[in-house]
């Protein structure tokens, strides 16, 4: 059997991560946006919101 609390926790983490991805990439309009500035490249290596 599975642990319902664990399932809910994992699903919550997946939902949070997908929201974070959507928020971080909202301003991306083309592949060039990833390489547009060095500032963006340094920010993409951080794991802090």
PDB file of N, CA and C in Angstrom:
ATOM      1  N   UNK A   1       0.837  -1.188   0.000  1.00  0.00           N
ATOM      2  CA  UNK A   1       0.000   0.000   0.000  1.00  0.00           C
ATOM      3  C   UNK A   1       0.878   1.246   0.000  1.00  0.00           C
ATOM      4  N   UNK A   2       0.314   2.345  -0.437  1.00  0.00           N
ATOM      5  CA  UNK A   2       1.040   3.607  -0.453  1.00  0.00           C
ATOM      6  C   UNK A   2       0.624   4.489   0.717  1.00  0.00           C
ATOM      7  N   UNK A   3       1.470   5.432   1.011  1.00  0.00           N
ATOM      8  CA  UNK A   3       1.236   6.366   2.118  1.00  0.00           C
ATOM      9  C   UNK A   3       0.563   7.616   1.554  1.00  0.00           C
ATOM     10  N   UNK A   4      -0.710   7.852   1.863  1.00  0.00           N
ATOM     11  CA  UNK A   4      -1.433   9.006   1.303  1.00  0.00           C
ATOM     12  C   UNK A   4      -0.775  10.353   1.638  1.00  0.00           C
ATOM     13  N   UNK A   5      -0.220  10.464   2.839  1.00  0.00           N
ATOM     14  CA  UNK A   5       0.439  11.718   3.209  1.00  0.00           C
ATOM     15  C   UNK A   5       1.667  11.964   2.352  1.00  0.00           C
ATOM     16  N   UNK A   6       2.423  10.914   2.082  1.00  0.00           N
ATOM     17  CA  UNK A   6       3.609  11.033   1.241  1.00  0.00           C
ATOM     18  C   UNK A   6       3.216  11.407  -0.187  1.00  0.00           C
ATOM     19  N   UNK A   7       2.160  10.803  -0.694  1.00  0.00           N
ATOM     20  CA  UNK A   7       1.674  11.131  -2.039  1.00  0.00           C
ATOM     21  C   UNK A   7       1.287  12.604  -2.114  1.00  0.00           C
ATOM     22  N   UNK A   8       0.565  13.084  -1.133  1.00  0.00           N
ATOM     23  CA  UNK A   8       0.158  14.488  -1.112  1.00  0.00           C
ATOM     24  C   UNK A   8       1.361  15.418  -1.044  1.00  0.00           C
ATOM     25  N   UNK A   9       2.363  15.051  -0.250  1.00  0.00           N
ATOM     26  CA  UNK A   9       3.574  15.874  -0.133  1.00  0.00           C
ATOM     27  C   UNK A   9       4.318  15.929  -1.464  1.00  0.00           C
ATOM     28  N   UNK A  10       4.452  14.791  -2.110  1.00  0.00           N
ATOM     29  CA  UNK A  10       5.152  14.760  -3.404  1.00  0.00           C
ATOM     30  C   UNK A  10       4.382  15.558  -4.448  1.00  0.00           C
ATOM     31  N   UNK A  11       3.086  15.395  -4.501  1.00  0.00           N
ATOM     32  CA  UNK A  11       2.276  16.161  -5.463  1.00  0.00           C
ATOM     33  C   UNK A  11       2.351  17.658  -5.180  1.00  0.00           C
ATOM     34  N   UNK A  12       2.385  18.017  -3.907  1.00  0.00           N
ATOM     35  CA  UNK A  12       2.525  19.427  -3.535  1.00  0.00           C
ATOM     36  C   UNK A  12       3.860  19.989  -4.030  1.00  0.00           C
ATOM     37  N   UNK A  13       4.925  19.212  -3.880  1.00  0.00           N
ATOM     38  CA  UNK A  13       6.239  19.642  -4.346  1.00  0.00           C
ATOM     39  C   UNK A  13       6.283  19.775  -5.865  1.00  0.00           C
ATOM     40  N   UNK A  14       5.637  18.857  -6.569  1.00  0.00           N
ATOM     41  CA  UNK A  14       5.581  18.923  -8.031  1.00  0.00           C
ATOM     42  C   UNK A  14       4.827  20.177  -8.470  1.00  0.00           C
ATOM     43  N   UNK A  15       3.708  20.449  -7.823  1.00  0.00           N
ATOM     44  CA  UNK A  15       2.930  21.637  -8.145  1.00  0.00           C
ATOM     45  C   UNK A  15       3.728  22.917  -7.881  1.00  0.00           C
ATOM     46  N   UNK A  16       4.403  22.974  -6.753  1.00  0.00           N
ATOM     47  CA  UNK A  16       5.223  24.137  -6.409  1.00  0.00           C
ATOM     48  C   UNK A  16       6.350  24.329  -7.428  1.00  0.00           C
ATOM     49  N   UNK A  17       6.999  23.241  -7.807  1.00  0.00           N
ATOM     50  CA  UNK A  17       8.090  23.317  -8.778  1.00  0.00           C
ATOM     51  C   UNK A  17       7.586  23.771 -10.138  1.00  0.00           C
ATOM     52  N   UNK A  18       6.445  23.274 -10.564  1.00  0.00           N
ATOM     53  CA  UNK A  18       5.911  23.684 -11.869  1.00  0.00           C
ATOM     54  C   UNK A  18       5.515  25.159 -11.862  1.00  0.00           C
ATOM     55  N   UNK A  19       4.998  25.632 -10.749  1.00  0.00           N
ATOM     56  CA  UNK A  19       4.670  27.064 -10.638  1.00  0.00           C
ATOM     57  C   UNK A  19       5.938  27.909 -10.682  1.00  0.00           C
ATOM     58  N   UNK A  20       6.996  27.446 -10.033  1.00  0.00           N
ATOM     59  CA  UNK A  20       8.269  28.157 -10.028  1.00  0.00           C
ATOM     60  C   UNK A  20       8.849  28.221 -11.451  1.00  0.00           C
ATOM     61  N   UNK A  21       8.792  27.125 -12.161  1.00  0.00           N
ATOM     62  CA  UNK A  21       9.298  27.088 -13.542  1.00  0.00           C
ATOM     63  C   UNK A  21       8.512  28.060 -14.405  1.00  0.00           C
ATOM     64  N   UNK A  22       7.201  28.030 -14.299  1.00  0.00           N
ATOM     65  CA  UNK A  22       6.360  28.939 -15.080  1.00  0.00           C
ATOM     66  C   UNK A  22       6.689  30.396 -14.776  1.00  0.00           C
ATOM     67  N   UNK A  23       6.868  30.711 -13.496  1.00  0.00           N
ATOM     68  CA  UNK A  23       7.178  32.091 -13.084  1.00  0.00           C
ATOM     69  C   UNK A  23       8.543  32.533 -13.611  1.00  0.00           C
ATOM     70  N   UNK A  24       9.544  31.672 -13.506  1.00  0.00           N
ATOM     71  CA  UNK A  24      10.896  32.031 -13.926  1.00  0.00           C
ATOM     72  C   UNK A  24      11.021  32.204 -15.441  1.00  0.00           C
ATOM     73  N   UNK A  25      10.228  31.460 -16.191  1.00  0.00           N
ATOM     74  CA  UNK A  25      10.348  31.508 -17.640  1.00  0.00           C
ATOM     75  C   UNK A  25       9.267  32.343 -18.312  1.00  0.00           C
ATOM     76  N   UNK A  26       8.466  33.060 -17.545  1.00  0.00           N
ATOM     77  CA  UNK A  26       7.388  33.876 -18.099  1.00  0.00           C
ATOM     78  C   UNK A  26       7.902  34.944 -19.055  1.00  0.00           C
ATOM     79  N   UNK A  27       9.092  35.462 -18.824  1.00  0.00           N
ATOM     80  CA  UNK A  27       9.607  36.538 -19.662  1.00  0.00           C
ATOM     81  C   UNK A  27      10.365  36.024 -20.895  1.00  0.00           C
ATOM     82  N   UNK A  28      10.529  34.725 -21.019  1.00  0.00           N
ATOM     83  CA  UNK A  28      11.248  34.153 -22.160  1.00  0.00           C
ATOM     84  C   UNK A  28      10.317  34.126 -23.359  1.00  0.00           C
ATOM     85  N   UNK A  29      10.744  34.769 -24.439  1.00  0.00           N
ATOM     86  CA  UNK A  29       9.924  34.816 -25.654  1.00  0.00           C
ATOM     87  C   UNK A  29      10.589  34.106 -26.830  1.00  0.00           C
ATOM     88  N   UNK A  30      11.906  33.936 -26.766  1.00  0.00           N
ATOM     89  CA  UNK A  30      12.621  33.268 -27.852  1.00  0.00           C
ATOM     90  C   UNK A  30      13.885  32.620 -27.276  1.00  0.00           C
ATOM     91  N   UNK A  31      14.500  31.710 -28.027  1.00  0.00           N
ATOM     92  CA  UNK A  31      15.734  31.085 -27.536  1.00  0.00           C
ATOM     93  C   UNK A  31      16.836  32.102 -27.246  1.00  0.00           C
ATOM     94  N   UNK A  32      16.845  33.219 -27.971  1.00  0.00           N
ATOM     95  CA  UNK A  32      17.859  34.249 -27.746  1.00  0.00           C
ATOM     96  C   UNK A  32      17.750  34.871 -26.350  1.00  0.00           C
ATOM     97  N   UNK A  33      16.566  34.811 -25.753  1.00  0.00           N
ATOM     98  CA  UNK A  33      16.396  35.374 -24.412  1.00  0.00           C
ATOM     99  C   UNK A  33      17.269  34.668 -23.380  1.00  0.00           C
ATOM    100  N   UNK A  34      17.615  33.413 -23.614  1.00  0.00           N
ATOM    101  CA  UNK A  34      18.478  32.694 -22.695  1.00  0.00           C
ATOM    102  C   UNK A  34      19.913  33.200 -22.750  1.00  0.00           C
ATOM    103  N   UNK A  35      20.276  33.765 -23.876  1.00  0.00           N
ATOM    104  CA  UNK A  35      21.655  34.200 -24.073  1.00  0.00           C
ATOM    105  C   UNK A  35      21.775  35.711 -24.193  1.00  0.00           C
ATOM    106  N   UNK A  36      20.708  36.428 -23.877  1.00  0.00           N
ATOM    107  CA  UNK A  36      20.670  37.860 -24.070  1.00  0.00           C
ATOM    108  C   UNK A  36      21.619  38.652 -23.190  1.00  0.00           C
ATOM    109  N   UNK A  37      21.888  38.157 -21.990  1.00  0.00           N
ATOM    110  CA  UNK A  37      22.763  38.897 -21.092  1.00  0.00           C
ATOM    111  C   UNK A  37      23.485  37.942 -20.159  1.00  0.00           C
ATOM    112  N   UNK A  38      24.636  38.369 -19.704  1.00  0.00           N
ATOM    113  CA  UNK A  38      25.389  37.589 -18.734  1.00  0.00           C
ATOM    114  C   UNK A  38      24.670  37.565 -17.379  1.00  0.00           C
ATOM    115  N   UNK A  39      23.916  38.628 -17.068  1.00  0.00           N
ATOM    116  CA  UNK A  39      23.192  38.678 -15.802  1.00  0.00           C
ATOM    117  C   UNK A  39      22.210  37.519 -15.700  1.00  0.00           C
ATOM    118  N   UNK A  40      21.495  37.275 -16.796  1.00  0.00           N
ATOM    119  CA  UNK A  40      20.529  36.180 -16.771  1.00  0.00           C
ATOM    120  C   UNK A  40      21.250  34.848 -16.574  1.00  0.00           C
ATOM    121  N   UNK A  41      22.373  34.679 -17.234  1.00  0.00           N
ATOM    122  CA  UNK A  41      23.104  33.419 -17.122  1.00  0.00           C
ATOM    123  C   UNK A  41      23.560  33.172 -15.692  1.00  0.00           C
ATOM    124  N   UNK A  42      24.013  34.208 -15.009  1.00  0.00           N
ATOM    125  CA  UNK A  42      24.449  34.015 -13.625  1.00  0.00           C
ATOM    126  C   UNK A  42      23.267  33.758 -12.709  1.00  0.00           C
ATOM    127  N   UNK A  43      22.121  34.361 -13.003  1.00  0.00           N
ATOM    128  CA  UNK A  43      20.930  34.116 -12.183  1.00  0.00           C
ATOM    129  C   UNK A  43      20.388  32.715 -12.405  1.00  0.00           C
ATOM    130  N   UNK A  44      20.554  32.181 -13.605  1.00  0.00           N
ATOM    131  CA  UNK A  44      20.001  30.857 -13.883  1.00  0.00           C
ATOM    132  C   UNK A  44      20.733  29.771 -13.119  1.00  0.00           C
ATOM    133  N   UNK A  45      21.913  30.078 -12.585  1.00  0.00           N
ATOM    134  CA  UNK A  45      22.669  29.090 -11.829  1.00  0.00           C
ATOM    135  C   UNK A  45      22.355  29.130 -10.349  1.00  0.00           C
ATOM    136  N   UNK A  46      21.480  30.011  -9.931  1.00  0.00           N
ATOM    137  CA  UNK A  46      21.116  30.071  -8.518  1.00  0.00           C
ATOM    138  C   UNK A  46      19.856  29.262  -8.281  1.00  0.00           C
ATOM    139  N   UNK A  47      19.687  28.799  -7.065  1.00  0.00           N
ATOM    140  CA  UNK A  47      18.531  27.989  -6.734  1.00  0.00           C
ATOM    141  C   UNK A  47      17.627  28.710  -5.746  1.00  0.00           C
ATOM    142  N   UNK A  48      17.728  30.013  -5.704  1.00  0.00           N
ATOM    143  CA  UNK A  48      16.936  30.805  -4.766  1.00  0.00           C
ATOM    144  C   UNK A  48      15.890  31.567  -5.565  1.00  0.00           C
ATOM    145  N   UNK A  49      14.674  31.603  -5.064  1.00  0.00           N
ATOM    146  CA  UNK A  49      13.609  32.370  -5.725  1.00  0.00           C
ATOM    147  C   UNK A  49      13.810  33.839  -5.534  1.00  0.00           C
TER     148      UNK A  49
END
